[in-house]
């Protein structure tokens, strides 16, 4: 087995249970001990997935949209995990550096999106970069509305980690079902976006009540 084969095997072995855990996390109640355990396992497996993906995209002739999906999943995974560390004090210098690094990655990747295989649509890569860019800009602005963010960090945390899982699922489906592209990427992305909207709709009143109680 070559080093490339070993990297792919590790990527798949970590990615499959990570996506299963993401489904469990979405379906179960949030905030209890089981949620914290499954969340930590998802983050650990997600880090393995992202590291092996980064090794994979360094190979020659990797489609630009796949690189964009890797950036989207990586930023959301790290930024979503960071919310737990800064939930009491708000964003700091590390978070600014992460957002700036994401924006720099977007600028570097944008030019590669014209070099894609016929089955990998550059529009999907552009959409991924645009969404991550929006997240990074919002994250950079959090210092100006820190007090509000401190009351809504749970929503930020959940949306980013679900977004990371969605990007992982989209990239996996695109690789496994190449004959069905671009739909094999669009469908997971659309389903994930629907879940994001549903969770935001469900938990927004909950966060509003906490905000009112705090004031």
N, C-alpha and C. Protein backbone atom coordinates (compact mmCIF):
# COMPACT_ATOMS: atom_id res chain seq x y z
N UNK A 1 0.84 -1.20 0.00
CA UNK A 1 0.00 0.00 0.00
C UNK A 1 0.88 1.25 0.00
N UNK A 2 0.62 2.15 -0.92
CA UNK A 2 1.39 3.39 -0.99
C UNK A 2 0.91 4.37 0.07
N UNK A 3 1.70 5.42 0.26
CA UNK A 3 1.32 6.43 1.25
C UNK A 3 0.03 7.12 0.85
N UNK A 4 -0.19 7.28 -0.47
CA UNK A 4 -1.44 7.89 -0.94
C UNK A 4 -2.63 7.00 -0.63
N UNK A 5 -2.48 5.69 -0.83
CA UNK A 5 -3.56 4.75 -0.52
C UNK A 5 -3.86 4.75 0.97
N UNK A 6 -2.81 4.80 1.79
CA UNK A 6 -3.00 4.82 3.25
C UNK A 6 -3.73 6.09 3.68
N UNK A 7 -3.39 7.20 3.05
CA UNK A 7 -4.06 8.47 3.38
C UNK A 7 -5.53 8.41 3.02
N UNK A 8 -5.85 7.85 1.85
CA UNK A 8 -7.24 7.73 1.43
C UNK A 8 -8.01 6.80 2.37
N UNK A 9 -7.38 5.67 2.74
CA UNK A 9 -8.04 4.73 3.65
C UNK A 9 -8.34 5.38 5.00
N UNK A 10 -7.37 6.14 5.53
CA UNK A 10 -7.59 6.82 6.80
C UNK A 10 -8.67 7.88 6.67
N UNK A 11 -8.68 8.58 5.54
CA UNK A 11 -9.68 9.61 5.27
C UNK A 11 -11.10 9.01 5.28
N UNK A 12 -11.25 7.88 4.61
CA UNK A 12 -12.57 7.23 4.53
C UNK A 12 -12.97 6.65 5.88
N UNK A 13 -12.02 6.01 6.56
CA UNK A 13 -12.33 5.38 7.86
C UNK A 13 -12.71 6.41 8.92
N UNK A 14 -12.20 7.63 8.81
CA UNK A 14 -12.59 8.69 9.74
C UNK A 14 -13.84 9.41 9.26
N UNK A 15 -13.99 9.56 7.94
CA UNK A 15 -15.10 10.33 7.41
C UNK A 15 -16.45 9.68 7.58
N UNK A 16 -16.52 8.36 7.36
CA UNK A 16 -17.81 7.66 7.46
C UNK A 16 -18.41 7.76 8.86
N UNK A 17 -17.67 7.42 9.92
CA UNK A 17 -18.25 7.57 11.27
C UNK A 17 -18.48 9.03 11.66
N UNK A 18 -17.66 9.95 11.13
CA UNK A 18 -17.88 11.36 11.44
C UNK A 18 -19.24 11.83 10.91
N UNK A 19 -19.58 11.42 9.69
CA UNK A 19 -20.88 11.81 9.13
C UNK A 19 -22.03 11.15 9.88
N UNK A 20 -21.83 9.91 10.31
CA UNK A 20 -22.86 9.23 11.10
C UNK A 20 -23.07 9.96 12.44
N UNK A 21 -21.97 10.36 13.08
CA UNK A 21 -22.08 11.10 14.34
C UNK A 21 -22.77 12.44 14.12
N UNK A 22 -22.51 13.07 12.98
CA UNK A 22 -23.17 14.35 12.69
C UNK A 22 -24.68 14.18 12.63
N UNK A 23 -25.15 13.08 12.02
CA UNK A 23 -26.58 12.81 11.96
C UNK A 23 -27.16 12.60 13.36
N UNK A 24 -26.41 11.87 14.19
CA UNK A 24 -26.86 11.62 15.57
C UNK A 24 -26.95 12.92 16.35
N UNK A 25 -25.95 13.76 16.19
CA UNK A 25 -25.92 15.04 16.91
C UNK A 25 -27.09 15.92 16.51
N UNK A 26 -27.39 15.96 15.20
CA UNK A 26 -28.51 16.77 14.73
C UNK A 26 -29.83 16.26 15.29
N UNK A 27 -29.98 14.93 15.36
CA UNK A 27 -31.26 14.33 15.76
C UNK A 27 -31.49 14.39 17.27
N UNK A 28 -30.43 14.39 18.08
CA UNK A 28 -30.58 14.29 19.52
C UNK A 28 -30.71 15.68 20.18
N UNK A 29 -31.20 15.71 21.43
CA UNK A 29 -31.22 16.96 22.19
C UNK A 29 -29.80 17.49 22.39
N UNK A 30 -29.70 18.79 22.52
CA UNK A 30 -28.39 19.43 22.63
C UNK A 30 -28.08 19.79 24.08
N UNK A 31 -26.78 19.78 24.41
CA UNK A 31 -26.34 20.29 25.70
C UNK A 31 -26.16 19.27 26.80
N UNK A 32 -26.62 18.03 26.60
CA UNK A 32 -26.45 17.04 27.66
C UNK A 32 -25.10 16.34 27.54
N UNK A 33 -24.82 15.41 28.45
CA UNK A 33 -23.52 14.74 28.48
C UNK A 33 -23.27 13.94 27.21
N UNK A 34 -24.30 13.28 26.71
CA UNK A 34 -24.12 12.48 25.49
C UNK A 34 -23.81 13.37 24.29
N UNK A 35 -24.43 14.53 24.24
CA UNK A 35 -24.14 15.47 23.16
C UNK A 35 -22.67 15.89 23.20
N UNK A 36 -22.16 16.14 24.40
CA UNK A 36 -20.77 16.57 24.52
C UNK A 36 -19.81 15.45 24.10
N UNK A 37 -20.14 14.21 24.45
CA UNK A 37 -19.27 13.09 24.08
C UNK A 37 -19.27 12.88 22.57
N UNK A 38 -20.46 12.84 21.97
CA UNK A 38 -20.53 12.65 20.53
C UNK A 38 -19.92 13.83 19.79
N UNK A 39 -20.07 15.03 20.35
CA UNK A 39 -19.47 16.20 19.74
C UNK A 39 -17.94 16.13 19.72
N UNK A 40 -17.37 15.69 20.84
CA UNK A 40 -15.91 15.56 20.89
C UNK A 40 -15.42 14.50 19.90
N UNK A 41 -16.15 13.39 19.80
CA UNK A 41 -15.77 12.35 18.84
C UNK A 41 -15.86 12.88 17.41
N UNK A 42 -16.92 13.64 17.12
CA UNK A 42 -17.06 14.21 15.79
C UNK A 42 -15.90 15.15 15.47
N UNK A 43 -15.54 15.99 16.44
CA UNK A 43 -14.43 16.93 16.22
C UNK A 43 -13.12 16.19 15.99
N UNK A 44 -12.87 15.13 16.78
CA UNK A 44 -11.64 14.36 16.62
C UNK A 44 -11.58 13.71 15.25
N UNK A 45 -12.67 13.06 14.86
CA UNK A 45 -12.70 12.42 13.54
C UNK A 45 -12.66 13.46 12.43
N UNK A 46 -13.34 14.58 12.65
CA UNK A 46 -13.33 15.65 11.66
C UNK A 46 -11.93 16.20 11.42
N UNK A 47 -11.14 16.31 12.49
CA UNK A 47 -9.75 16.78 12.33
C UNK A 47 -8.94 15.80 11.49
N UNK A 48 -9.15 14.49 11.71
CA UNK A 48 -8.46 13.49 10.90
C UNK A 48 -8.89 13.61 9.44
N UNK A 49 -10.19 13.78 9.22
CA UNK A 49 -10.70 13.94 7.85
C UNK A 49 -10.08 15.15 7.17
N UNK A 50 -10.01 16.26 7.89
CA UNK A 50 -9.48 17.48 7.29
C UNK A 50 -7.97 17.38 7.02
N UNK A 51 -7.23 16.80 7.95
CA UNK A 51 -5.79 16.66 7.76
C UNK A 51 -5.48 15.75 6.56
N UNK A 52 -6.20 14.63 6.46
CA UNK A 52 -5.97 13.74 5.32
C UNK A 52 -6.45 14.38 4.02
N UNK A 53 -7.51 15.18 4.10
CA UNK A 53 -7.98 15.88 2.90
C UNK A 53 -6.95 16.90 2.44
N UNK A 54 -6.35 17.62 3.41
CA UNK A 54 -5.32 18.60 3.05
C UNK A 54 -4.12 17.93 2.40
N UNK A 55 -3.75 16.75 2.90
CA UNK A 55 -2.67 15.99 2.26
C UNK A 55 -3.07 15.61 0.84
N UNK A 56 -4.34 15.21 0.68
CA UNK A 56 -4.81 14.79 -0.63
C UNK A 56 -4.87 15.92 -1.65
N UNK A 57 -5.29 17.11 -1.23
CA UNK A 57 -5.43 18.20 -2.20
C UNK A 57 -4.09 18.81 -2.59
N UNK A 58 -3.02 18.41 -1.93
CA UNK A 58 -1.69 18.89 -2.32
C UNK A 58 -1.16 18.14 -3.53
N UNK A 59 -1.85 17.06 -3.93
CA UNK A 59 -1.44 16.32 -5.12
C UNK A 59 -1.70 17.15 -6.37
N UNK A 60 -0.97 16.88 -7.46
CA UNK A 60 -1.22 17.59 -8.71
C UNK A 60 -2.60 17.26 -9.28
N UNK A 61 -3.14 18.19 -10.04
CA UNK A 61 -4.37 18.00 -10.80
C UNK A 61 -5.60 17.73 -9.92
N UNK A 62 -5.60 18.23 -8.70
CA UNK A 62 -6.79 18.11 -7.86
C UNK A 62 -7.80 19.17 -8.30
N UNK A 63 -9.07 18.80 -8.54
CA UNK A 63 -10.07 19.78 -8.99
C UNK A 63 -10.21 20.93 -8.00
N UNK A 64 -10.32 22.14 -8.54
CA UNK A 64 -10.49 23.31 -7.70
C UNK A 64 -11.69 23.24 -6.78
N UNK A 65 -12.87 22.78 -7.25
CA UNK A 65 -14.02 22.69 -6.35
C UNK A 65 -13.79 21.77 -5.16
N UNK A 66 -12.99 20.71 -5.34
CA UNK A 66 -12.69 19.83 -4.22
C UNK A 66 -11.82 20.55 -3.19
N UNK A 67 -10.89 21.37 -3.67
CA UNK A 67 -10.07 22.17 -2.77
C UNK A 67 -10.94 23.19 -2.02
N UNK A 68 -11.94 23.75 -2.73
CA UNK A 68 -12.83 24.72 -2.08
C UNK A 68 -13.66 24.04 -0.99
N UNK A 69 -14.13 22.82 -1.26
CA UNK A 69 -14.90 22.09 -0.25
C UNK A 69 -14.05 21.78 0.97
N UNK A 70 -12.76 21.48 0.74
CA UNK A 70 -11.85 21.21 1.86
C UNK A 70 -11.66 22.46 2.72
N UNK A 71 -11.50 23.61 2.07
CA UNK A 71 -11.37 24.86 2.81
C UNK A 71 -12.66 25.16 3.59
N UNK A 72 -13.81 24.95 2.95
CA UNK A 72 -15.09 25.24 3.60
C UNK A 72 -15.28 24.37 4.84
N UNK A 73 -15.00 23.07 4.70
CA UNK A 73 -15.17 22.17 5.84
C UNK A 73 -14.16 22.47 6.93
N UNK A 74 -12.93 22.75 6.56
CA UNK A 74 -11.87 22.99 7.55
C UNK A 74 -12.16 24.24 8.37
N UNK A 75 -12.52 25.33 7.69
CA UNK A 75 -12.76 26.57 8.43
C UNK A 75 -13.95 26.43 9.37
N UNK A 76 -15.02 25.84 8.88
CA UNK A 76 -16.21 25.71 9.72
C UNK A 76 -15.97 24.76 10.89
N UNK A 77 -15.18 23.71 10.66
CA UNK A 77 -14.88 22.78 11.75
C UNK A 77 -14.08 23.48 12.85
N UNK A 78 -13.02 24.19 12.46
CA UNK A 78 -12.16 24.86 13.44
C UNK A 78 -12.90 26.02 14.10
N UNK A 79 -13.58 26.85 13.30
CA UNK A 79 -14.28 28.01 13.86
C UNK A 79 -15.46 27.57 14.73
N UNK A 80 -16.13 26.49 14.34
CA UNK A 80 -17.23 25.98 15.16
C UNK A 80 -16.75 25.45 16.48
N UNK A 81 -15.59 24.78 16.48
CA UNK A 81 -15.02 24.29 17.73
C UNK A 81 -14.53 25.45 18.60
N UNK A 82 -14.02 26.49 17.97
CA UNK A 82 -13.50 27.64 18.72
C UNK A 82 -14.58 28.33 19.54
N UNK A 83 -15.83 28.25 19.10
CA UNK A 83 -16.90 28.93 19.85
C UNK A 83 -17.00 28.39 21.27
N UNK A 84 -16.66 27.12 21.47
CA UNK A 84 -16.70 26.57 22.82
C UNK A 84 -15.63 27.18 23.71
N UNK A 85 -14.49 27.50 23.11
CA UNK A 85 -13.38 28.06 23.89
C UNK A 85 -13.59 29.54 24.22
N UNK A 86 -14.39 30.24 23.39
CA UNK A 86 -14.54 31.69 23.57
C UNK A 86 -15.96 32.07 23.98
N UNK A 87 -16.75 31.10 24.39
CA UNK A 87 -18.16 31.37 24.68
C UNK A 87 -18.35 32.32 25.86
N UNK A 88 -17.35 32.41 26.75
CA UNK A 88 -17.49 33.28 27.92
C UNK A 88 -16.86 34.66 27.73
N UNK A 89 -15.92 34.76 26.80
CA UNK A 89 -15.21 36.03 26.64
C UNK A 89 -15.34 36.66 25.26
N UNK A 90 -15.78 35.88 24.28
CA UNK A 90 -15.91 36.40 22.93
C UNK A 90 -14.65 36.19 22.11
N UNK A 91 -14.71 36.50 20.82
CA UNK A 91 -13.57 36.25 19.91
C UNK A 91 -12.37 37.10 20.24
N UNK A 92 -11.19 36.56 19.90
CA UNK A 92 -9.93 37.26 20.15
C UNK A 92 -9.02 37.21 18.94
N UNK A 93 -7.73 37.36 19.19
CA UNK A 93 -6.76 37.44 18.12
C UNK A 93 -6.68 36.18 17.28
N UNK A 94 -6.76 35.02 17.92
CA UNK A 94 -6.70 33.76 17.18
C UNK A 94 -7.85 33.67 16.18
N UNK A 95 -9.01 34.11 16.58
CA UNK A 95 -10.18 34.04 15.71
C UNK A 95 -10.05 35.00 14.53
N UNK A 96 -9.44 36.14 14.77
CA UNK A 96 -9.18 37.07 13.67
C UNK A 96 -8.21 36.44 12.68
N UNK A 97 -7.15 35.81 13.18
CA UNK A 97 -6.18 35.16 12.30
C UNK A 97 -6.81 34.04 11.49
N UNK A 98 -7.69 33.27 12.11
CA UNK A 98 -8.37 32.20 11.38
C UNK A 98 -9.23 32.75 10.25
N UNK A 99 -9.97 33.82 10.53
CA UNK A 99 -10.81 34.42 9.50
C UNK A 99 -9.98 35.02 8.37
N UNK A 100 -8.88 35.68 8.72
CA UNK A 100 -8.00 36.26 7.70
C UNK A 100 -7.37 35.16 6.86
N UNK A 101 -6.97 34.06 7.50
CA UNK A 101 -6.39 32.93 6.77
C UNK A 101 -7.41 32.33 5.80
N UNK A 102 -8.68 32.25 6.23
CA UNK A 102 -9.72 31.74 5.35
C UNK A 102 -9.91 32.64 4.13
N UNK A 103 -9.91 33.95 4.36
CA UNK A 103 -10.04 34.89 3.24
C UNK A 103 -8.85 34.81 2.30
N UNK A 104 -7.66 34.65 2.86
CA UNK A 104 -6.47 34.49 2.02
C UNK A 104 -6.56 33.21 1.19
N UNK A 105 -7.05 32.12 1.82
CA UNK A 105 -7.22 30.87 1.09
C UNK A 105 -8.21 31.01 -0.04
N UNK A 106 -9.27 31.78 0.18
CA UNK A 106 -10.26 32.01 -0.87
C UNK A 106 -9.63 32.71 -2.07
N UNK A 107 -8.83 33.73 -1.79
CA UNK A 107 -8.16 34.45 -2.89
C UNK A 107 -7.21 33.55 -3.67
N UNK A 108 -6.50 32.68 -2.95
CA UNK A 108 -5.57 31.78 -3.62
C UNK A 108 -6.28 30.72 -4.44
N UNK A 109 -7.41 30.23 -3.93
CA UNK A 109 -8.11 29.14 -4.61
C UNK A 109 -8.96 29.61 -5.78
N UNK A 110 -9.36 30.86 -5.75
CA UNK A 110 -10.30 31.33 -6.76
C UNK A 110 -9.78 31.11 -8.18
N UNK A 111 -8.50 31.33 -8.37
CA UNK A 111 -7.96 31.21 -9.72
C UNK A 111 -7.86 29.76 -10.18
N UNK A 112 -7.86 28.82 -9.24
CA UNK A 112 -7.77 27.41 -9.61
C UNK A 112 -9.11 26.84 -10.06
N UNK A 113 -10.18 27.54 -9.83
CA UNK A 113 -11.49 26.99 -10.14
C UNK A 113 -11.74 26.90 -11.64
N UNK A 114 -10.93 27.58 -12.44
CA UNK A 114 -11.07 27.44 -13.89
C UNK A 114 -10.42 26.16 -14.38
N UNK A 115 -9.57 25.54 -13.56
CA UNK A 115 -8.91 24.29 -13.93
C UNK A 115 -9.62 23.15 -13.23
N UNK A 116 -10.63 22.62 -13.88
CA UNK A 116 -11.42 21.58 -13.25
C UNK A 116 -11.71 20.49 -14.28
N UNK A 117 -11.98 19.30 -13.77
CA UNK A 117 -12.36 18.22 -14.66
C UNK A 117 -13.78 18.48 -15.15
N UNK A 118 -14.18 17.90 -16.27
CA UNK A 118 -15.52 18.17 -16.80
C UNK A 118 -16.64 17.86 -15.83
N UNK A 119 -16.42 16.92 -14.92
CA UNK A 119 -17.50 16.53 -14.01
C UNK A 119 -17.58 17.41 -12.78
N UNK A 120 -16.52 18.17 -12.48
CA UNK A 120 -16.53 19.03 -11.29
C UNK A 120 -16.88 20.45 -11.73
N UNK A 121 -18.09 20.86 -11.40
CA UNK A 121 -18.54 22.20 -11.81
C UNK A 121 -17.87 23.28 -10.98
N UNK A 122 -17.27 24.29 -11.64
CA UNK A 122 -16.64 25.37 -10.87
C UNK A 122 -17.65 26.21 -10.09
N UNK A 123 -18.93 26.18 -10.51
CA UNK A 123 -19.94 26.96 -9.81
C UNK A 123 -20.08 26.50 -8.36
N UNK A 124 -19.96 25.20 -8.13
CA UNK A 124 -20.06 24.69 -6.77
C UNK A 124 -18.89 25.17 -5.91
N UNK A 125 -17.71 25.20 -6.52
CA UNK A 125 -16.54 25.70 -5.79
C UNK A 125 -16.68 27.17 -5.47
N UNK A 126 -17.18 27.94 -6.42
CA UNK A 126 -17.38 29.38 -6.20
C UNK A 126 -18.40 29.61 -5.10
N UNK A 127 -19.47 28.80 -5.09
CA UNK A 127 -20.49 28.93 -4.04
C UNK A 127 -19.90 28.61 -2.67
N UNK A 128 -19.06 27.57 -2.60
CA UNK A 128 -18.42 27.20 -1.33
C UNK A 128 -17.53 28.32 -0.83
N UNK A 129 -16.73 28.89 -1.74
CA UNK A 129 -15.82 29.97 -1.34
C UNK A 129 -16.60 31.21 -0.93
N UNK A 130 -17.70 31.48 -1.65
CA UNK A 130 -18.51 32.65 -1.29
C UNK A 130 -19.11 32.52 0.09
N UNK A 131 -19.59 31.31 0.41
CA UNK A 131 -20.20 31.10 1.73
C UNK A 131 -19.16 31.22 2.84
N UNK A 132 -17.99 30.61 2.62
CA UNK A 132 -16.93 30.69 3.63
C UNK A 132 -16.46 32.14 3.79
N UNK A 133 -16.38 32.85 2.67
CA UNK A 133 -15.99 34.25 2.74
C UNK A 133 -16.96 35.07 3.56
N UNK A 134 -18.27 34.80 3.39
CA UNK A 134 -19.28 35.50 4.17
C UNK A 134 -19.12 35.19 5.66
N UNK A 135 -18.90 33.90 5.98
CA UNK A 135 -18.69 33.52 7.38
C UNK A 135 -17.47 34.22 7.97
N UNK A 136 -16.39 34.26 7.19
CA UNK A 136 -15.16 34.87 7.70
C UNK A 136 -15.34 36.36 7.95
N UNK A 137 -16.06 37.04 7.05
CA UNK A 137 -16.30 38.48 7.23
C UNK A 137 -17.17 38.72 8.47
N UNK A 138 -18.20 37.89 8.64
CA UNK A 138 -19.05 38.01 9.83
C UNK A 138 -18.22 37.76 11.09
N UNK A 139 -17.35 36.74 11.04
CA UNK A 139 -16.51 36.44 12.20
C UNK A 139 -15.58 37.59 12.52
N UNK A 140 -15.06 38.25 11.49
CA UNK A 140 -14.19 39.40 11.73
C UNK A 140 -14.95 40.55 12.39
N UNK A 141 -16.24 40.62 12.15
CA UNK A 141 -17.03 41.74 12.69
C UNK A 141 -17.53 41.49 14.10
N UNK A 142 -17.34 40.28 14.63
CA UNK A 142 -17.95 39.93 15.93
C UNK A 142 -17.49 40.81 17.08
N UNK A 143 -16.30 41.36 16.98
CA UNK A 143 -15.80 42.22 18.05
C UNK A 143 -16.67 43.46 18.23
N UNK A 144 -17.38 43.86 17.16
CA UNK A 144 -18.22 45.05 17.23
C UNK A 144 -19.59 44.74 17.84
N UNK A 145 -19.96 43.48 17.90
CA UNK A 145 -21.24 43.10 18.53
C UNK A 145 -21.03 41.90 19.45
N UNK A 146 -19.94 42.02 20.22
CA UNK A 146 -19.52 40.94 21.11
C UNK A 146 -20.61 40.53 22.10
N UNK A 147 -21.28 41.52 22.71
CA UNK A 147 -22.27 41.20 23.74
C UNK A 147 -23.44 40.42 23.16
N UNK A 148 -23.81 40.75 21.94
CA UNK A 148 -24.89 40.00 21.29
C UNK A 148 -24.42 38.59 20.97
N UNK A 149 -23.20 38.47 20.43
CA UNK A 149 -22.68 37.15 20.06
C UNK A 149 -22.59 36.23 21.27
N UNK A 150 -22.24 36.75 22.42
CA UNK A 150 -22.11 35.93 23.62
C UNK A 150 -23.44 35.28 24.00
N UNK A 151 -24.54 35.84 23.55
CA UNK A 151 -25.85 35.26 23.83
C UNK A 151 -26.30 34.31 22.73
N UNK A 152 -25.61 34.33 21.60
CA UNK A 152 -26.01 33.50 20.47
C UNK A 152 -24.90 32.54 20.05
N UNK A 153 -23.92 32.28 20.91
CA UNK A 153 -22.79 31.45 20.52
C UNK A 153 -23.22 30.01 20.22
N UNK A 154 -24.25 29.52 20.89
CA UNK A 154 -24.70 28.15 20.63
C UNK A 154 -25.16 27.98 19.19
N UNK A 155 -25.89 28.98 18.71
CA UNK A 155 -26.37 28.94 17.34
C UNK A 155 -25.19 28.99 16.37
N UNK A 156 -24.23 29.85 16.64
CA UNK A 156 -23.02 29.96 15.82
C UNK A 156 -22.28 28.62 15.80
N UNK A 157 -22.12 28.04 16.96
CA UNK A 157 -21.43 26.76 17.11
C UNK A 157 -22.11 25.66 16.29
N UNK A 158 -23.41 25.55 16.44
CA UNK A 158 -24.14 24.49 15.76
C UNK A 158 -24.15 24.67 14.25
N UNK A 159 -24.40 25.87 13.77
CA UNK A 159 -24.47 26.10 12.34
C UNK A 159 -23.14 25.83 11.64
N UNK A 160 -22.04 26.21 12.27
CA UNK A 160 -20.74 25.99 11.64
C UNK A 160 -20.37 24.52 11.59
N UNK A 161 -20.63 23.79 12.67
CA UNK A 161 -20.26 22.38 12.66
C UNK A 161 -21.16 21.57 11.71
N UNK A 162 -22.42 21.93 11.62
CA UNK A 162 -23.28 21.28 10.64
C UNK A 162 -22.83 21.64 9.23
N UNK A 163 -22.41 22.89 9.05
CA UNK A 163 -21.87 23.29 7.75
C UNK A 163 -20.63 22.51 7.38
N UNK A 164 -19.77 22.24 8.37
CA UNK A 164 -18.58 21.43 8.12
C UNK A 164 -18.96 20.02 7.69
N UNK A 165 -19.94 19.42 8.38
CA UNK A 165 -20.39 18.08 8.02
C UNK A 165 -21.01 18.07 6.63
N UNK A 166 -21.75 19.12 6.29
CA UNK A 166 -22.36 19.21 4.97
C UNK A 166 -21.30 19.28 3.87
N UNK A 167 -20.26 20.08 4.09
CA UNK A 167 -19.18 20.17 3.12
C UNK A 167 -18.47 18.83 2.97
N UNK A 168 -18.27 18.12 4.07
CA UNK A 168 -17.66 16.79 4.02
C UNK A 168 -18.52 15.82 3.21
N UNK A 169 -19.84 15.85 3.46
CA UNK A 169 -20.75 14.96 2.74
C UNK A 169 -20.79 15.27 1.25
N UNK A 170 -20.77 16.56 0.92
CA UNK A 170 -20.80 16.97 -0.48
C UNK A 170 -19.54 16.51 -1.22
N UNK A 171 -18.38 16.68 -0.58
CA UNK A 171 -17.14 16.25 -1.20
C UNK A 171 -17.10 14.73 -1.35
N UNK A 172 -17.58 14.02 -0.33
CA UNK A 172 -17.58 12.56 -0.38
C UNK A 172 -18.49 12.07 -1.50
N UNK A 173 -19.69 12.64 -1.60
CA UNK A 173 -20.62 12.21 -2.64
C UNK A 173 -20.08 12.55 -4.02
N UNK A 174 -19.43 13.70 -4.14
CA UNK A 174 -18.84 14.06 -5.43
C UNK A 174 -17.76 13.10 -5.87
N UNK A 175 -16.98 12.61 -4.92
CA UNK A 175 -15.91 11.65 -5.24
C UNK A 175 -16.46 10.26 -5.53
N UNK A 176 -17.42 9.81 -4.73
CA UNK A 176 -17.93 8.45 -4.87
C UNK A 176 -18.90 8.31 -6.03
N UNK A 177 -19.63 9.37 -6.35
CA UNK A 177 -20.65 9.31 -7.40
C UNK A 177 -20.32 10.31 -8.51
N UNK A 178 -19.15 10.15 -9.09
CA UNK A 178 -18.69 11.13 -10.08
C UNK A 178 -19.57 11.16 -11.33
N UNK A 179 -20.16 10.01 -11.68
CA UNK A 179 -21.02 9.98 -12.86
C UNK A 179 -22.30 10.77 -12.66
N UNK A 180 -22.63 11.04 -11.41
CA UNK A 180 -23.86 11.78 -11.11
C UNK A 180 -23.60 13.25 -10.81
N UNK A 181 -22.36 13.71 -10.97
CA UNK A 181 -22.06 15.12 -10.73
C UNK A 181 -22.75 15.96 -11.81
N UNK A 182 -23.15 17.19 -11.48
CA UNK A 182 -22.94 17.89 -10.21
C UNK A 182 -23.99 17.58 -9.14
N UNK A 183 -25.02 16.74 -9.50
CA UNK A 183 -26.11 16.51 -8.56
C UNK A 183 -25.67 15.78 -7.31
N UNK A 184 -24.64 14.94 -7.44
CA UNK A 184 -24.16 14.23 -6.26
C UNK A 184 -23.56 15.18 -5.23
N UNK A 185 -23.18 16.37 -5.66
CA UNK A 185 -22.70 17.39 -4.73
C UNK A 185 -23.80 18.36 -4.33
N UNK A 186 -24.67 18.66 -5.28
CA UNK A 186 -25.73 19.64 -5.01
C UNK A 186 -26.72 19.13 -3.98
N UNK A 187 -27.12 17.85 -4.10
CA UNK A 187 -28.14 17.31 -3.20
C UNK A 187 -27.69 17.33 -1.73
N UNK A 188 -26.47 16.83 -1.39
CA UNK A 188 -26.05 16.93 0.01
C UNK A 188 -25.96 18.37 0.50
N UNK A 189 -25.49 19.26 -0.37
CA UNK A 189 -25.39 20.67 0.01
C UNK A 189 -26.77 21.27 0.27
N UNK A 190 -27.74 20.93 -0.60
CA UNK A 190 -29.09 21.46 -0.43
C UNK A 190 -29.74 20.91 0.84
N UNK A 191 -29.56 19.61 1.09
CA UNK A 191 -30.12 19.02 2.31
C UNK A 191 -29.49 19.64 3.56
N UNK A 192 -28.16 19.81 3.52
CA UNK A 192 -27.47 20.42 4.65
C UNK A 192 -27.92 21.84 4.89
N UNK A 193 -28.14 22.60 3.81
CA UNK A 193 -28.61 23.98 3.95
C UNK A 193 -30.00 24.00 4.55
N UNK A 194 -30.84 23.03 4.15
CA UNK A 194 -32.17 22.93 4.74
C UNK A 194 -32.11 22.66 6.24
N UNK A 195 -31.19 21.78 6.64
CA UNK A 195 -31.01 21.49 8.07
C UNK A 195 -30.54 22.74 8.81
N UNK A 196 -29.62 23.48 8.21
CA UNK A 196 -29.14 24.72 8.83
C UNK A 196 -30.29 25.69 9.07
N UNK A 197 -31.14 25.86 8.05
CA UNK A 197 -32.27 26.78 8.20
C UNK A 197 -33.24 26.29 9.27
N UNK A 198 -33.47 24.97 9.29
CA UNK A 198 -34.38 24.41 10.28
C UNK A 198 -33.89 24.61 11.71
N UNK A 199 -32.59 24.39 11.92
CA UNK A 199 -32.02 24.55 13.26
C UNK A 199 -32.03 26.02 13.67
N UNK A 200 -31.69 26.89 12.71
CA UNK A 200 -31.71 28.33 13.02
C UNK A 200 -33.12 28.78 13.39
N UNK A 201 -34.11 28.29 12.64
CA UNK A 201 -35.51 28.65 12.92
C UNK A 201 -35.96 28.12 14.27
N UNK A 202 -35.54 26.89 14.59
CA UNK A 202 -35.97 26.25 15.83
C UNK A 202 -35.35 26.89 17.06
N UNK A 203 -34.06 27.24 16.96
CA UNK A 203 -33.34 27.70 18.15
C UNK A 203 -33.28 29.22 18.29
N UNK A 204 -33.71 29.96 17.26
CA UNK A 204 -33.68 31.41 17.37
C UNK A 204 -34.57 31.91 18.51
N UNK A 205 -35.84 31.45 18.63
CA UNK A 205 -36.65 31.92 19.77
C UNK A 205 -36.03 31.56 21.11
N UNK A 206 -35.41 30.39 21.18
CA UNK A 206 -34.76 29.95 22.42
C UNK A 206 -33.65 30.91 22.83
N UNK A 207 -32.84 31.33 21.83
CA UNK A 207 -31.76 32.28 22.12
C UNK A 207 -32.32 33.66 22.44
N UNK A 208 -33.44 34.01 21.80
CA UNK A 208 -34.05 35.29 22.10
C UNK A 208 -34.56 35.34 23.55
N UNK A 209 -35.12 34.21 24.02
CA UNK A 209 -35.60 34.18 25.41
C UNK A 209 -34.43 34.32 26.38
N UNK A 210 -33.30 33.66 26.05
CA UNK A 210 -32.12 33.76 26.92
C UNK A 210 -31.60 35.20 26.92
N UNK A 211 -31.65 35.85 25.76
CA UNK A 211 -31.19 37.23 25.68
C UNK A 211 -32.06 38.13 26.54
N UNK A 212 -33.39 37.92 26.46
CA UNK A 212 -34.30 38.74 27.26
C UNK A 212 -34.10 38.51 28.75
N UNK A 213 -33.85 37.25 29.13
CA UNK A 213 -33.63 36.94 30.55
C UNK A 213 -32.34 37.58 31.06
N UNK A 214 -31.33 37.63 30.19
CA UNK A 214 -30.04 38.19 30.59
C UNK A 214 -30.10 39.70 30.77
N UNK A 215 -30.99 40.35 30.02
CA UNK A 215 -31.10 41.79 30.12
C UNK A 215 -32.09 42.20 31.20
